[in-house]
Protein backbone atom coordinates (compact mmCIF):
# COMPACT_ATOMS: atom_id res chain seq x y z
CA MET A 1 26.86 8.79 32.14
CA THR A 2 25.63 8.81 28.56
CA ILE A 3 23.59 6.14 26.82
CA ARG A 4 22.33 5.64 23.27
CA ARG A 5 18.68 6.55 22.82
CA SER A 6 16.43 5.85 19.82
CA THR A 7 14.99 9.26 18.97
CA VAL A 8 12.21 10.01 16.52
CA ALA A 9 13.65 11.81 13.48
CA GLY A 10 10.64 11.69 11.17
CA ILE A 11 7.17 10.29 10.62
CA GLY A 12 5.03 9.50 7.59
CA HIS A 13 1.84 7.81 6.48
CA ALA A 14 -0.07 6.50 3.47
CA LEU A 15 -3.73 5.60 2.96
CA PRO A 16 -5.52 3.95 0.03
CA LYS A 17 -7.49 6.30 -2.20
CA ARG A 18 -10.86 4.60 -1.68
CA VAL A 19 -12.89 5.56 1.39
CA VAL A 20 -15.72 3.22 2.42
CA THR A 21 -18.38 4.68 4.71
CA ASN A 22 -20.66 2.81 7.08
CA ALA A 23 -23.57 3.68 4.81
CA GLU A 24 -21.87 1.92 1.89
CA LEU A 25 -21.41 -1.22 3.98
CA ALA A 26 -25.00 -1.04 5.24
CA ALA A 27 -26.19 -1.19 1.63
CA LYS A 28 -24.47 -4.58 1.22
CA ILE A 29 -24.76 -6.36 4.59
CA ASP A 30 -27.18 -6.40 7.52
CA THR A 31 -25.81 -3.49 9.54
CA SER A 32 -26.28 0.26 9.96
CA ASP A 33 -24.24 3.39 10.46
CA GLU A 34 -25.75 3.80 13.95
CA TRP A 35 -24.94 0.20 14.95
CA ILE A 36 -21.29 0.48 13.87
CA ILE A 37 -20.70 3.88 15.48
CA GLU A 38 -22.34 2.90 18.76
CA ARG A 39 -20.29 -0.28 19.16
CA THR A 40 -16.97 0.77 17.66
CA GLY A 41 -16.77 4.51 17.01
CA ILE A 42 -15.89 3.83 13.36
CA ARG A 43 -17.46 6.02 10.67
CA GLN A 44 -15.31 5.14 7.65
CA ARG A 45 -12.21 3.24 6.59
CA HIS A 46 -9.79 3.20 3.63
CA ILE A 47 -9.79 0.08 1.46
CA ALA A 48 -6.91 -0.82 -0.87
CA GLY A 49 -7.71 -0.94 -4.56
CA GLU A 50 -5.99 -2.41 -7.58
CA GLY A 51 -2.24 -1.83 -7.43
CA GLU A 52 -2.33 -0.84 -3.76
CA THR A 53 -0.57 -3.45 -1.64
CA THR A 54 1.02 -3.63 1.79
CA ALA A 55 4.44 -3.04 0.22
CA SER A 56 3.33 -0.10 -1.93
CA LEU A 57 1.59 1.62 0.99
CA ALA A 58 4.59 0.95 3.24
CA THR A 59 6.91 2.46 0.64
CA LEU A 60 4.81 5.62 0.40
CA ALA A 61 4.76 5.96 4.19
CA ALA A 62 8.53 5.45 4.31
CA GLN A 63 9.10 8.12 1.65
CA ASP A 64 6.89 10.50 3.60
CA ALA A 65 8.87 9.83 6.79
CA LEU A 66 12.20 10.39 5.00
CA SER A 67 10.92 13.70 3.63
CA HIS A 68 9.73 14.77 7.09
CA ALA A 69 13.12 13.89 8.59
CA GLY A 70 15.09 15.57 5.80
CA LEU A 71 16.99 12.32 5.20
CA LYS A 72 17.92 10.26 2.16
CA ALA A 73 17.05 6.59 1.76
CA SER A 74 20.79 5.81 1.90
CA ASP A 75 20.83 7.14 5.49
CA ILE A 76 18.78 4.13 6.62
CA ASP A 77 20.60 0.94 7.67
CA LEU A 78 17.71 -1.00 9.24
CA ILE A 79 14.10 -1.61 8.22
CA VAL A 80 11.70 -3.33 10.61
CA LEU A 81 8.24 -3.73 9.10
CA ALA A 82 5.27 -4.93 11.12
CA THR A 83 2.50 -6.63 9.16
CA ALA A 84 0.11 -9.58 9.28
CA THR A 85 -0.79 -9.12 5.60
CA PRO A 86 2.44 -9.38 3.60
CA ASP A 87 2.38 -9.18 -0.19
CA LEU A 88 4.02 -12.60 -0.42
CA THR A 89 4.73 -15.50 1.93
CA PHE A 90 8.35 -14.59 1.25
CA PRO A 91 10.46 -12.57 0.74
CA ALA A 92 9.74 -10.21 3.60
CA THR A 93 7.75 -7.10 2.71
CA ALA A 94 10.53 -5.07 4.35
CA THR A 95 12.93 -6.19 1.61
CA GLN A 96 10.45 -5.05 -1.05
CA VAL A 97 10.34 -1.62 0.58
CA GLN A 98 14.13 -1.61 0.83
CA ALA A 99 14.43 -2.29 -2.90
CA ALA A 100 11.76 0.28 -3.80
CA LEU A 101 13.67 2.92 -1.85
CA GLY A 102 16.97 1.98 -3.49
CA ILE A 103 18.61 0.92 -0.22
CA THR A 104 21.33 -1.72 -0.65
CA GLN A 105 22.92 -1.78 2.79
CA GLY A 106 21.85 -2.86 6.26
CA ALA A 107 19.14 -5.29 7.33
CA ALA A 108 15.44 -5.55 6.51
CA PHE A 109 12.90 -7.95 7.99
CA ASP A 110 9.23 -8.32 8.95
CA VAL A 111 7.67 -8.66 12.41
CA GLN A 112 4.39 -10.54 12.82
CA ALA A 113 2.56 -9.66 16.03
CA VAL A 114 -0.71 -8.57 14.36
CA CYS A 115 -2.12 -5.39 15.95
CA SER A 116 0.79 -5.22 18.41
CA GLY A 117 3.25 -5.36 15.54
CA PHE A 118 4.25 -1.70 15.54
CA VAL A 119 4.97 -1.67 19.28
CA TYR A 120 7.02 -4.86 18.84
CA ALA A 121 8.85 -3.30 15.88
CA VAL A 122 9.69 -0.13 17.82
CA ALA A 123 11.05 -2.20 20.72
CA ILE A 124 13.14 -4.38 18.39
CA ALA A 125 14.57 -1.47 16.42
CA ASP A 126 15.35 0.32 19.69
CA LYS A 127 17.45 -2.64 20.84
CA PHE A 128 19.42 -2.63 17.57
CA LEU A 129 20.13 1.10 17.86
CA GLN A 130 21.03 0.89 21.54
CA SER A 131 23.54 -1.86 20.78
CA GLY A 132 25.44 0.36 18.37
CA SER A 133 25.07 -2.06 15.46
CA HIS A 134 22.87 0.34 13.48
CA GLN A 135 22.34 4.10 13.35
CA ARG A 136 18.96 4.80 11.72
CA ALA A 137 15.93 2.52 11.56
CA LEU A 138 12.85 2.81 9.42
CA VAL A 139 10.04 1.31 11.51
CA ILE A 140 6.85 0.66 9.55
CA GLY A 141 3.39 -0.67 10.30
CA ALA A 142 1.51 -1.57 7.11
CA GLU A 143 -1.61 -3.64 6.45
CA THR A 144 -4.19 -4.57 3.84
CA PHE A 145 -6.61 -6.36 6.14
CA SER A 146 -9.39 -5.98 3.56
CA ARG A 147 -7.79 -8.92 1.74
CA ILE A 148 -8.37 -11.33 4.65
CA LEU A 149 -11.90 -10.26 5.63
CA ASP A 150 -15.05 -12.29 5.16
CA TRP A 151 -17.27 -9.56 3.70
CA ASN A 152 -20.38 -11.55 4.66
CA ASP A 153 -19.42 -11.50 8.36
CA ARG A 154 -20.84 -8.23 9.66
CA THR A 155 -19.17 -8.66 13.05
CA THR A 156 -15.68 -8.33 11.55
CA CYS A 157 -15.79 -6.73 8.09
CA VAL A 158 -17.02 -3.39 9.45
CA LEU A 159 -14.07 -3.08 11.81
CA PHE A 160 -10.97 -3.04 9.65
CA GLY A 161 -9.24 -0.80 7.15
CA ASP A 162 -5.98 -0.55 5.23
CA GLY A 163 -3.03 1.82 5.50
CA ALA A 164 0.58 2.33 6.53
CA GLY A 165 2.56 4.50 8.89
CA ALA A 166 6.30 4.86 9.44
CA VAL A 167 8.73 6.45 11.87
CA ILE A 168 12.47 6.92 11.57
CA LEU A 169 14.39 6.18 14.74
CA GLU A 170 17.89 7.61 15.01
CA ALA A 171 20.50 6.73 17.63
CA GLN A 172 21.64 9.72 19.68
CA GLU A 173 23.58 10.08 22.88
CA GLY A 174 21.49 10.87 25.95
CA HIS A 175 22.21 11.47 29.61
CA GLY A 176 20.21 8.43 30.72
CA GLY A 177 17.47 10.45 32.40
CA LEU A 178 13.76 10.82 31.78
CA THR A 179 14.27 14.15 30.03
CA ASP A 180 16.19 12.44 27.21
CA ARG A 181 14.43 12.35 23.86
CA GLY A 182 13.73 8.88 22.52
CA VAL A 183 12.32 5.52 23.58
CA LEU A 184 12.50 5.49 27.39
CA THR A 185 11.11 2.00 27.97
CA SER A 186 9.14 -0.74 26.22
CA HIS A 187 7.37 -3.86 27.46
CA LEU A 188 6.20 -6.75 25.28
CA ARG A 189 4.01 -9.71 26.22
CA ALA A 190 2.33 -12.71 24.59
CA ASP A 191 0.09 -15.61 25.61
CA GLY A 192 -0.60 -18.09 22.83
CA ARG A 193 -3.35 -19.85 24.75
CA HIS A 194 -5.78 -17.20 23.47
CA LYS A 195 -5.26 -17.95 19.75
CA ASP A 196 -8.87 -19.01 19.08
CA LYS A 197 -10.23 -15.65 20.21
CA LEU A 198 -8.63 -13.73 17.32
CA PHE A 199 -7.01 -15.53 14.38
CA VAL A 200 -7.05 -16.19 10.64
CA ASP A 201 -8.34 -19.63 9.67
CA GLY A 202 -5.78 -20.25 6.93
CA GLY A 203 -2.09 -20.31 6.17
CA PRO A 204 0.45 -21.85 3.78
CA SER A 205 1.41 -24.79 6.01
CA ALA A 206 -1.94 -25.66 7.59
CA THR A 207 -4.44 -25.08 4.79
CA MET A 208 -2.49 -23.79 1.76
CA THR A 209 -4.96 -20.87 1.68
CA THR A 210 -4.95 -17.27 2.90
CA GLY A 211 -7.99 -17.76 5.14
CA TYR A 212 -10.29 -15.23 6.79
CA LEU A 213 -10.11 -13.31 10.02
CA ARG A 214 -12.18 -14.77 12.87
CA MET A 215 -12.82 -13.05 16.20
CA GLU A 216 -14.69 -13.45 19.47
CA GLY A 217 -15.31 -9.75 20.04
CA LYS A 218 -16.51 -9.88 23.65
CA GLU A 219 -13.55 -11.99 24.75
CA VAL A 220 -11.07 -9.71 22.98
CA PHE A 221 -12.59 -6.67 24.68
CA ARG A 222 -12.51 -8.31 28.11
CA HIS A 223 -8.84 -9.25 27.89
CA ALA A 224 -7.70 -6.10 26.10
CA VAL A 225 -8.49 -3.62 28.86
CA THR A 226 -6.83 -5.78 31.54
CA PHE A 227 -3.72 -6.73 29.57
CA LEU A 228 -3.12 -3.24 28.20
CA ALA A 229 -3.46 -1.60 31.60
CA GLU A 230 -0.98 -4.09 33.06
CA THR A 231 1.74 -3.47 30.47
CA ILE A 232 1.30 0.31 30.72
CA GLU A 233 1.64 0.11 34.49
CA GLU A 234 4.88 -1.80 33.90
CA SER A 235 6.15 1.17 31.89
CA PHE A 236 5.20 3.50 34.73
CA ARG A 237 6.98 1.34 37.30
CA ALA A 238 10.10 1.11 35.14
CA THR A 239 10.39 4.89 34.82
CA GLY A 240 8.69 6.24 37.93
CA LEU A 241 6.32 8.21 35.71
CA THR A 242 2.54 8.29 36.10
CA ALA A 243 -0.49 8.84 33.91
CA ALA A 244 -0.42 12.49 34.95
CA ASP A 245 3.02 12.88 33.35
CA MET A 246 1.81 11.77 29.92
CA ASP A 247 1.24 14.44 27.30
CA TRP A 248 -0.38 12.09 24.80
CA PHE A 249 -1.87 8.61 24.88
CA VAL A 250 -1.77 7.01 21.41
CA PRO A 251 -3.42 3.58 21.66
CA HIS A 252 -4.03 0.97 19.00
CA GLN A 253 -7.14 2.15 17.17
CA ALA A 254 -9.29 -0.98 17.38
CA ASN A 255 -12.47 0.13 19.08
CA ARG A 256 -13.52 3.37 20.75
CA ARG A 257 -14.96 1.45 23.71
CA ILE A 258 -11.66 -0.33 24.40
CA ILE A 259 -9.73 2.93 24.13
CA ASP A 260 -12.10 4.76 26.48
CA ALA A 261 -12.14 1.92 29.03
CA THR A 262 -8.33 1.62 29.07
CA ALA A 263 -7.83 5.38 29.46
CA LYS A 264 -10.37 5.47 32.28
CA LYS A 265 -8.75 2.51 34.08
CA LEU A 266 -5.37 4.27 33.94
CA GLY A 267 -6.71 7.70 34.86
CA ILE A 268 -5.73 9.32 31.55
CA GLY A 269 -7.97 12.23 30.60
CA THR A 270 -9.85 12.13 27.31
CA GLU A 271 -8.15 15.37 26.24
CA LYS A 272 -4.84 13.45 26.07
CA VAL A 273 -6.13 10.58 23.92
CA VAL A 274 -5.37 10.59 20.19
CA LEU A 275 -8.28 9.05 18.27
CA THR A 276 -8.34 8.15 14.59
CA VAL A 277 -10.47 5.01 14.74
CA ASP A 278 -13.45 7.00 13.45
CA ARG A 279 -11.78 7.72 10.10
CA HIS A 280 -9.37 4.77 9.70
CA GLY A 281 -11.06 1.84 11.42
CA ASN A 282 -8.75 -0.85 12.80
CA THR A 283 -5.65 -0.90 10.58
CA SER A 284 -3.84 -3.42 12.81
CA ALA A 285 -0.07 -2.74 12.88
CA ALA A 286 -0.57 0.50 10.94
CA SER A 287 -2.98 2.08 13.42
CA ILE A 288 -0.51 3.57 15.92
CA PRO A 289 1.86 5.14 13.37
CA LEU A 290 -1.15 6.49 11.44
CA ALA A 291 -2.46 8.06 14.65
CA LEU A 292 0.98 9.43 15.50
CA ALA A 293 1.30 10.94 12.02
CA THR A 294 -2.12 12.56 12.41
CA ALA A 295 -1.27 14.11 15.79
CA VAL A 296 2.16 15.31 14.63
CA GLY A 297 0.67 16.67 11.43
CA ASP A 298 -1.98 18.76 13.18
CA GLY A 299 0.51 20.08 15.73
CA ARG A 300 -0.66 18.28 18.84
CA ILE A 301 2.45 16.17 19.43
CA GLN A 302 5.45 18.43 19.96
CA LYS A 303 9.16 17.81 20.46
CA GLY A 304 9.98 16.99 24.07
CA GLN A 305 6.53 15.69 24.99
CA LEU A 306 5.87 12.29 26.55
CA VAL A 307 3.95 9.91 24.29
CA LEU A 308 2.55 6.57 25.45
CA ILE A 309 1.74 3.91 22.83
CA GLU A 310 0.10 0.53 23.41
CA ALA A 311 -1.58 -2.29 21.50
CA MET A 312 -3.00 -5.79 21.77
CA GLY A 313 -3.36 -8.20 18.87
CA GLY A 314 -4.13 -11.77 17.89
CA GLY A 315 -2.22 -14.47 19.65
CA PHE A 316 -2.63 -12.74 22.09
CA THR A 317 0.29 -10.32 21.88
CA TRP A 318 0.40 -6.96 23.60
CA GLY A 319 2.83 -4.26 24.61
CA SER A 320 3.55 -0.62 25.39
CA ALA A 321 6.32 1.93 24.97
CA LEU A 322 7.05 5.36 26.41
CA ILE A 323 8.67 7.83 24.03
CA ARG A 324 10.01 11.32 24.71
CA TRP A 325 9.19 12.87 21.33
């Protein structure tokens, strides 16, 4: 028996030019480099400047992914872009990327699941490719969270950064086994009762403003480890694989403590964890593809290896996916 699998054909990334260190933030608000590193593991983050938007960063990441895959923009017939910080209320940022790339066919739309957005986008694109309706999908996570931060709130403004990452998924025939390359399984969850723990206090319908990010950090941490472990265990049950089978664990880069606690709970060794939170901060939907691009770029992630991705974001939303690279 053969089935259609969504295989990774290419990966790319883009980061704003400006790097903001903890020391620079400490000169403006009541915090310190030591305090930020101890509680989050973050040492610096990239902040978008004039002319750098979610769409422009997403386009650069997409171009990088196309180059890595050796494909032309016209080879893409689906764009799924995950973001909580679109350039405009509408049209979708994905359509702006589509136009910038010169693509005139196929579908393009945004997914809004905050930090879980990239995992959601991968799962959605995978379903399109499995169905046979599309052949190649550009899956992007792109954010400019610096535009929705209260820079006087030291509990949140030190955490986030801007950037974009992209993967190209291509439909290929597989044998239906665990040795197939591609997305092996994905599991998505949400529970809207937790909205007040991580949200933005504005929006076009409710306040006619953009608003600022608000977060109850301790509550987010408490739920994150439990929820993430549960969805990853679902992936293991669905495939019969275990933590020991994983070559790489690429979690959402929100906080070093959450990453360490989740890996420990699952029994995943630190040598298998890809970390970029120290240099990127929390880039929401962009964090996983940025981390993937880093680990592919430095040679750690190799073709045929098992890669586990997971994330939790505002809402709450959360999810995981297992990919044979």
